[in-house]
PDB file of N, CA and C in Angstrom:
ATOM      1  N   ASP A   1     111.486  89.705 101.181  1.00  0.00           N
ATOM      2  CA  ASP A   1     110.982  88.704 102.157  1.00  0.00           C
ATOM      3  C   ASP A   1     113.304  88.258 102.809  1.00  0.00           C
ATOM      4  N   LYS A   2     112.952  87.104 103.522  1.00  0.00           N
ATOM      5  CA  LYS A   2     114.282  86.701 103.458  1.00  0.00           C
ATOM      6  C   LYS A   2     115.656  85.948 103.265  1.00  0.00           C
ATOM      7  N   ASP A   3     114.845  85.893 101.754  1.00  0.00           N
ATOM      8  CA  ASP A   3     116.182  85.546 101.023  1.00  0.00           C
ATOM      9  C   ASP A   3     116.379  87.098  99.945  1.00  0.00           C
ATOM     10  N   GLY A   4     116.044  88.709 100.324  1.00  0.00           N
ATOM     11  CA  GLY A   4     116.199  89.402 100.002  1.00  0.00           C
ATOM     12  C   GLY A   4     114.951  89.549  99.046  1.00  0.00           C
ATOM     13  N   ASN A   5     114.274  88.671  98.432  1.00  0.00           N
ATOM     14  CA  ASN A   5     113.308  89.455  97.573  1.00  0.00           C
ATOM     15  C   ASN A   5     112.234  90.257  97.651  1.00  0.00           C
ATOM     16  N   ILE A   6     112.423  91.770  96.693  1.00  0.00           N
ATOM     17  CA  ILE A   6     111.842  92.878  97.027  1.00  0.00           C
ATOM     18  C   ILE A   6     110.994  93.645  95.576  1.00  0.00           C
ATOM     19  N   LEU A   7     110.206  94.024  96.088  1.00  0.00           N
ATOM     20  CA  LEU A   7     109.277  94.492  94.640  1.00  0.00           C
ATOM     21  C   LEU A   7     109.629  95.278  94.642  1.00  0.00           C
ATOM     22  N   VAL A   8     110.080  96.258  93.122  1.00  0.00           N
ATOM     23  CA  VAL A   8     110.543  96.886  92.783  1.00  0.00           C
ATOM     24  C   VAL A   8     109.346  97.431  91.237  1.00  0.00           C
ATOM     25  N   LYS A   9     109.144  98.979  91.712  1.00  0.00           N
ATOM     26  CA  LYS A   9     108.384  99.410  90.635  1.00  0.00           C
ATOM     27  C   LYS A   9     109.708 100.537  90.199  1.00  0.00           C
ATOM     28  N   ASN A  10     109.529 100.865  89.258  1.00  0.00           N
ATOM     29  CA  ASN A  10     110.290 102.562  88.816  1.00  0.00           C
ATOM     30  C   ASN A  10     109.442 103.081  88.223  1.00  0.00           C
ATOM     31  N   PRO A  11     109.618 104.342  87.949  1.00  0.00           N
ATOM     32  CA  PRO A  11     108.212 104.943  86.722  1.00  0.00           C
ATOM     33  C   PRO A  11     108.095 104.637  85.392  1.00  0.00           C
ATOM     34  N   ASN A  12     106.801 105.050  85.470  1.00  0.00           N
ATOM     35  CA  ASN A  12     106.668 103.941  83.970  1.00  0.00           C
ATOM     36  C   ASN A  12     107.194 102.330  83.722  1.00  0.00           C
ATOM     37  N   GLN A  13     106.581 101.515  84.344  1.00  0.00           N
ATOM     38  CA  GLN A  13     106.981 100.908  84.473  1.00  0.00           C
ATOM     39  C   GLN A  13     106.354 100.111  85.137  1.00  0.00           C
ATOM     40  N   ASN A  14     106.140  98.116  84.863  1.00  0.00           N
ATOM     41  CA  ASN A  14     105.590  97.558  85.801  1.00  0.00           C
ATOM     42  C   ASN A  14     106.442  97.033  86.876  1.00  0.00           C
ATOM     43  N   ALA A  15     105.931  97.032  88.050  1.00  0.00           N
ATOM     44  CA  ALA A  15     106.840  96.016  88.806  1.00  0.00           C
ATOM     45  C   ALA A  15     107.093  94.895  89.252  1.00  0.00           C
ATOM     46  N   SER A  16     108.415  94.801  89.153  1.00  0.00           N
ATOM     47  CA  SER A  16     109.133  93.278  89.879  1.00  0.00           C
ATOM     48  C   SER A  16     109.483  92.472  90.449  1.00  0.00           C
ATOM     49  N   VAL A  17     109.637  92.012  90.782  1.00  0.00           N
ATOM     50  CA  VAL A  17     110.613  91.406  92.182  1.00  0.00           C
ATOM     51  C   VAL A  17     111.506  90.939  91.715  1.00  0.00           C
ATOM     52  N   SER A  18     112.839  91.737  92.762  1.00  0.00           N
ATOM     53  CA  SER A  18     113.814  91.393  92.845  1.00  0.00           C
ATOM     54  C   SER A  18     114.966  90.373  93.410  1.00  0.00           C
ATOM     55  N   ASN A  19     115.305  89.691  93.551  1.00  0.00           N
ATOM     56  CA  ASN A  19     116.055  89.093  94.680  1.00  0.00           C
ATOM     57  C   ASN A  19     117.484  89.887  94.322  1.00  0.00           C
ATOM     58  N   ASP A  20     117.823  90.255  95.525  1.00  0.00           N
ATOM     59  CA  ASP A  20     119.144  91.227  95.809  1.00  0.00           C
ATOM     60  C   ASP A  20     119.924  90.801  96.710  1.00  0.00           C
ATOM     61  N   VAL A  21     120.399  90.379  96.387  1.00  0.00           N
ATOM     62  CA  VAL A  21     121.727  90.004  97.241  1.00  0.00           C
ATOM     63  C   VAL A  21     122.038  90.313  98.299  1.00  0.00           C
ATOM     64  N   ASN A  22     121.919  92.062  98.465  1.00  0.00           N
ATOM     65  CA  ASN A  22     122.132  92.898  99.168  1.00  0.00           C
ATOM     66  C   ASN A  22     121.745  93.305 100.704  1.00  0.00           C
ATOM     67  N   TYR A  23     120.158  92.177  99.907  1.00  0.00           N
ATOM     68  CA  TYR A  23     119.535  92.843 101.621  1.00  0.00           C
ATOM     69  C   TYR A  23     118.759  91.612 101.906  1.00  0.00           C
ATOM     70  N   LYS A  24     119.877  90.077 101.204  1.00  0.00           N
ATOM     71  CA  LYS A  24     119.600  88.908 101.757  1.00  0.00           C
ATOM     72  C   LYS A  24     120.131  88.470 103.072  1.00  0.00           C
ATOM     73  N   ASN A  25     118.512  87.525 104.326  1.00  0.00           N
ATOM     74  CA  ASN A  25     118.560  88.324 105.442  1.00  0.00           C
ATOM     75  C   ASN A  25     119.166  88.671 105.679  1.00  0.00           C
ATOM     76  N   ARG A  26     118.699  90.131 106.081  1.00  0.00           N
ATOM     77  CA  ARG A  26     118.421  91.798 107.007  1.00  0.00           C
ATOM     78  C   ARG A  26     117.005  92.165 106.412  1.00  0.00           C
ATOM     79  N   VAL A  27     115.901  91.890 105.234  1.00  0.00           N
ATOM     80  CA  VAL A  27     115.129  92.376 105.580  1.00  0.00           C
ATOM     81  C   VAL A  27     114.039  91.082 105.972  1.00  0.00           C
ATOM     82  N   SER A  28     112.819  92.502 106.588  1.00  0.00           N
ATOM     83  CA  SER A  28     111.436  91.675 106.813  1.00  0.00           C
ATOM     84  C   SER A  28     110.372  92.642 107.326  1.00  0.00           C
ATOM     85  N   ILE A  29     109.761  91.895 107.011  1.00  0.00           N
ATOM     86  CA  ILE A  29     108.353  92.253 107.570  1.00  0.00           C
ATOM     87  C   ILE A  29     107.716  92.540 108.837  1.00  0.00           C
ATOM     88  N   LYS A  30     106.845  93.128 109.844  1.00  0.00           N
ATOM     89  CA  LYS A  30     106.473  93.026 110.738  1.00  0.00           C
ATOM     90  C   LYS A  30     105.092  92.363 110.717  1.00  0.00           C
ATOM     91  N   LYS A  31     104.163  92.401 111.478  1.00  0.00           N
ATOM     92  CA  LYS A  31     102.988  91.915 112.021  1.00  0.00           C
ATOM     93  C   LYS A  31     102.235  93.427 111.306  1.00  0.00           C
ATOM     94  N   ASP A  32     102.828  94.459 111.725  1.00  0.00           N
ATOM     95  CA  ASP A  32     102.013  96.206 111.409  1.00  0.00           C
ATOM     96  C   ASP A  32     102.952  96.483 110.232  1.00  0.00           C
ATOM     97  N   PHE A  33     102.843  95.850 109.726  1.00  0.00           N
ATOM     98  CA  PHE A  33     104.237  96.200 108.633  1.00  0.00           C
ATOM     99  C   PHE A  33     104.748  96.731 108.221  1.00  0.00           C
ATOM    100  N   SER A  34     105.366  97.090 108.966  1.00  0.00           N
ATOM    101  CA  SER A  34     107.253  97.872 109.416  1.00  0.00           C
ATOM    102  C   SER A  34     107.859  97.251 107.928  1.00  0.00           C
ATOM    103  N   LEU A  35     108.903  97.887 107.583  1.00  0.00           N
ATOM    104  CA  LEU A  35     110.080  97.101 106.810  1.00  0.00           C
ATOM    105  C   LEU A  35     111.413  97.376 108.088  1.00  0.00           C
ATOM    106  N   VAL A  36     111.589  95.863 108.333  1.00  0.00           N
ATOM    107  CA  VAL A  36     112.831  96.079 108.972  1.00  0.00           C
ATOM    108  C   VAL A  36     114.098  95.874 108.400  1.00  0.00           C
ATOM    109  N   ILE A  37     114.777  96.344 108.360  1.00  0.00           N
ATOM    110  CA  ILE A  37     116.541  96.313 107.665  1.00  0.00           C
ATOM    111  C   ILE A  37     117.635  96.344 108.408  1.00  0.00           C
ATOM    112  N   LYS A  38     118.330  94.842 109.399  1.00  0.00           N
ATOM    113  CA  LYS A  38     119.460  94.561 109.654  1.00  0.00           C
ATOM    114  C   LYS A  38     120.391  95.042 108.924  1.00  0.00           C
ATOM    115  N   GLN A  39     121.753  95.084 109.882  1.00  0.00           N
ATOM    116  CA  GLN A  39     123.326  95.523 108.761  1.00  0.00           C
ATOM    117  C   GLN A  39     122.956  96.213 108.329  1.00  0.00           C
ATOM    118  N   VAL A  40     122.012  97.598 108.939  1.00  0.00           N
ATOM    119  CA  VAL A  40     122.151  98.593 108.135  1.00  0.00           C
ATOM    120  C   VAL A  40     123.379  99.832 107.160  1.00  0.00           C
ATOM    121  N   THR A  41     123.248  99.714 105.672  1.00  0.00           N
ATOM    122  CA  THR A  41     124.835 100.778 105.592  1.00  0.00           C
ATOM    123  C   THR A  41     124.378 101.957 104.567  1.00  0.00           C
ATOM    124  N   MET A  42     125.337 102.336 104.883  1.00  0.00           N
ATOM    125  CA  MET A  42     125.210 103.701 103.848  1.00  0.00           C
ATOM    126  C   MET A  42     124.734 104.133 102.424  1.00  0.00           C
ATOM    127  N   ALA A  43     125.551 102.478 101.966  1.00  0.00           N
ATOM    128  CA  ALA A  43     124.302 101.684 100.148  1.00  0.00           C
ATOM    129  C   ALA A  43     123.069 102.105 101.051  1.00  0.00           C
ATOM    130  N   ASP A  44     122.186 101.339 102.079  1.00  0.00           N
ATOM    131  CA  ASP A  44     120.781 101.618 101.744  1.00  0.00           C
ATOM    132  C   ASP A  44     120.029 102.949 102.519  1.00  0.00           C
ATOM    133  N   GLN A  45     120.563 103.744 102.595  1.00  0.00           N
ATOM    134  CA  GLN A  45     119.997 105.785 102.197  1.00  0.00           C
ATOM    135  C   GLN A  45     119.778 105.369 100.856  1.00  0.00           C
ATOM    136  N   ARG A  46     117.888 105.348 101.131  1.00  0.00           N
ATOM    137  CA  ARG A  46     117.256 105.385  99.215  1.00  0.00           C
ATOM    138  C   ARG A  46     116.155 105.784  99.902  1.00  0.00           C
ATOM    139  N   THR A  47     115.121 106.096  99.565  1.00  0.00           N
ATOM    140  CA  THR A  47     113.804 105.839  99.471  1.00  0.00           C
ATOM    141  C   THR A  47     113.341 104.998  99.171  1.00  0.00           C
ATOM    142  N   PHE A  48     112.200 104.532  99.801  1.00  0.00           N
ATOM    143  CA  PHE A  48     111.682 103.391  99.499  1.00  0.00           C
ATOM    144  C   PHE A  48     110.329 103.550  99.201  1.00  0.00           C
ATOM    145  N   THR A  49     109.231 103.016  99.128  1.00  0.00           N
ATOM    146  CA  THR A  49     108.070 103.134  98.396  1.00  0.00           C
ATOM    147  C   THR A  49     106.586 102.089  99.627  1.00  0.00           C
ATOM    148  N   CYS A  50     105.562 102.334  99.789  1.00  0.00           N
ATOM    149  CA  CYS A  50     105.172 101.378 100.125  1.00  0.00           C
ATOM    150  C   CYS A  50     103.351 101.204  99.819  1.00  0.00           C
ATOM    151  N   MET A  51     103.636 100.458  99.046  1.00  0.00           N
ATOM    152  CA  MET A  51     102.602 100.805  98.555  1.00  0.00           C
ATOM    153  C   MET A  51     101.790  98.794  98.795  1.00  0.00           C
ATOM    154  N   VAL A  52     100.481 100.145  99.089  1.00  0.00           N
ATOM    155  CA  VAL A  52      99.057  99.232  99.418  1.00  0.00           C
ATOM    156  C   VAL A  52      97.487  99.587  98.612  1.00  0.00           C
ATOM    157  N   VAL A  53      97.691  97.689  98.404  1.00  0.00           N
ATOM    158  CA  VAL A  53      95.767  97.775  97.556  1.00  0.00           C
ATOM    159  C   VAL A  53      95.383  97.571  98.442  1.00  0.00           C
ATOM    160  N   TRP A  54      93.858  98.262  98.194  1.00  0.00           N
ATOM    161  CA  TRP A  54      92.666  98.727  98.825  1.00  0.00           C
ATOM    162  C   TRP A  54      91.916  98.480  97.729  1.00  0.00           C
ATOM    163  N   GLN A  55      90.931  97.095  97.676  1.00  0.00           N
ATOM    164  CA  GLN A  55      90.575  96.807  96.728  1.00  0.00           C
ATOM    165  C   GLN A  55      90.517  97.883  95.013  1.00  0.00           C
ATOM    166  N   SER A  56      90.163  98.400  94.409  1.00  0.00           N
ATOM    167  CA  SER A  56      90.998  98.261  93.374  1.00  0.00           C
ATOM    168  C   SER A  56      92.164  99.823  92.906  1.00  0.00           C
ATOM    169  N   ASP A  57      92.470 100.382  94.493  1.00  0.00           N
ATOM    170  CA  ASP A  57      93.082 101.295  94.106  1.00  0.00           C
ATOM    171  C   ASP A  57      94.410 100.697  94.692  1.00  0.00           C
ATOM    172  N   ILE A  58      95.587 101.164  94.772  1.00  0.00           N
ATOM    173  CA  ILE A  58      96.724 101.385  94.738  1.00  0.00           C
ATOM    174  C   ILE A  58      97.305 102.222  95.203  1.00  0.00           C
ATOM    175  N   LEU A  59      97.778 102.720  97.165  1.00  0.00           N
ATOM    176  CA  LEU A  59      98.830 103.741  97.199  1.00  0.00           C
ATOM    177  C   LEU A  59     100.034 103.769  97.895  1.00  0.00           C
ATOM    178  N   GLU A  60     100.486 105.014  97.099  1.00  0.00           N
ATOM    179  CA  GLU A  60     101.667 104.545  97.467  1.00  0.00           C
ATOM    180  C   GLU A  60     102.598 106.175  98.496  1.00  0.00           C
ATOM    181  N   TYR A  61     103.014 105.981  99.190  1.00  0.00           N
ATOM    182  CA  TYR A  61     103.300 106.795 100.008  1.00  0.00           C
ATOM    183  C   TYR A  61     105.545 106.193 100.166  1.00  0.00           C
ATOM    184  N   PRO A  62     106.118 107.553  99.522  1.00  0.00           N
ATOM    185  CA  PRO A  62     108.026 107.369  99.395  1.00  0.00           C
ATOM    186  C   PRO A  62     108.492 107.441 101.119  1.00  0.00           C
ATOM    187  N   VAL A  63     109.148 106.861 101.635  1.00  0.00           N
ATOM    188  CA  VAL A  63     110.024 106.911 102.457  1.00  0.00           C
ATOM    189  C   VAL A  63     111.332 107.138 102.839  1.00  0.00           C
ATOM    190  N   GLN A  64     111.526 108.463 102.945  1.00  0.00           N
ATOM    191  CA  GLN A  64     113.366 108.345 103.018  1.00  0.00           C
ATOM    192  C   GLN A  64     114.439 108.151 103.959  1.00  0.00           C
ATOM    193  N   LEU A  65     114.517 106.618 104.293  1.00  0.00           N
ATOM    194  CA  LEU A  65     115.859 106.416 104.949  1.00  0.00           C
ATOM    195  C   LEU A  65     117.241 106.849 104.940  1.00  0.00           C
ATOM    196  N   HIS A  66     117.025 107.724 105.542  1.00  0.00           N
ATOM    197  CA  HIS A  66     118.306 108.575 106.174  1.00  0.00           C
ATOM    198  C   HIS A  66     119.492 107.930 107.262  1.00  0.00           C
ATOM    199  N   ILE A  67     120.882 107.768 107.279  1.00  0.00           N
ATOM    200  CA  ILE A  67     121.583 107.483 107.797  1.00  0.00           C
ATOM    201  C   ILE A  67     122.752 107.928 108.318  1.00  0.00           C
ATOM    202  N   TYR A  68     122.490 108.140 109.405  1.00  0.00           N
ATOM    203  CA  TYR A  68     123.645 109.670 110.679  1.00  0.00           C
ATOM    204  C   TYR A  68     124.520 108.477 111.491  1.00  0.00           C
TER     205      TYR A  68
END
């Protein structure tokens, strides 16, 4: 959200909400569920995982952000 809260899930751990000051006022999710990161830096280059909850399933789609 606009305050920099992101959902963090590491392998073999439960998901948790993290207030990351590095993302404050830089991240948003559009109506089509696209993740938008403003003022991108090299520190943002990482793998983000899109998590979709559908009925009783949770689907995960890793996406690598490359900065050139």
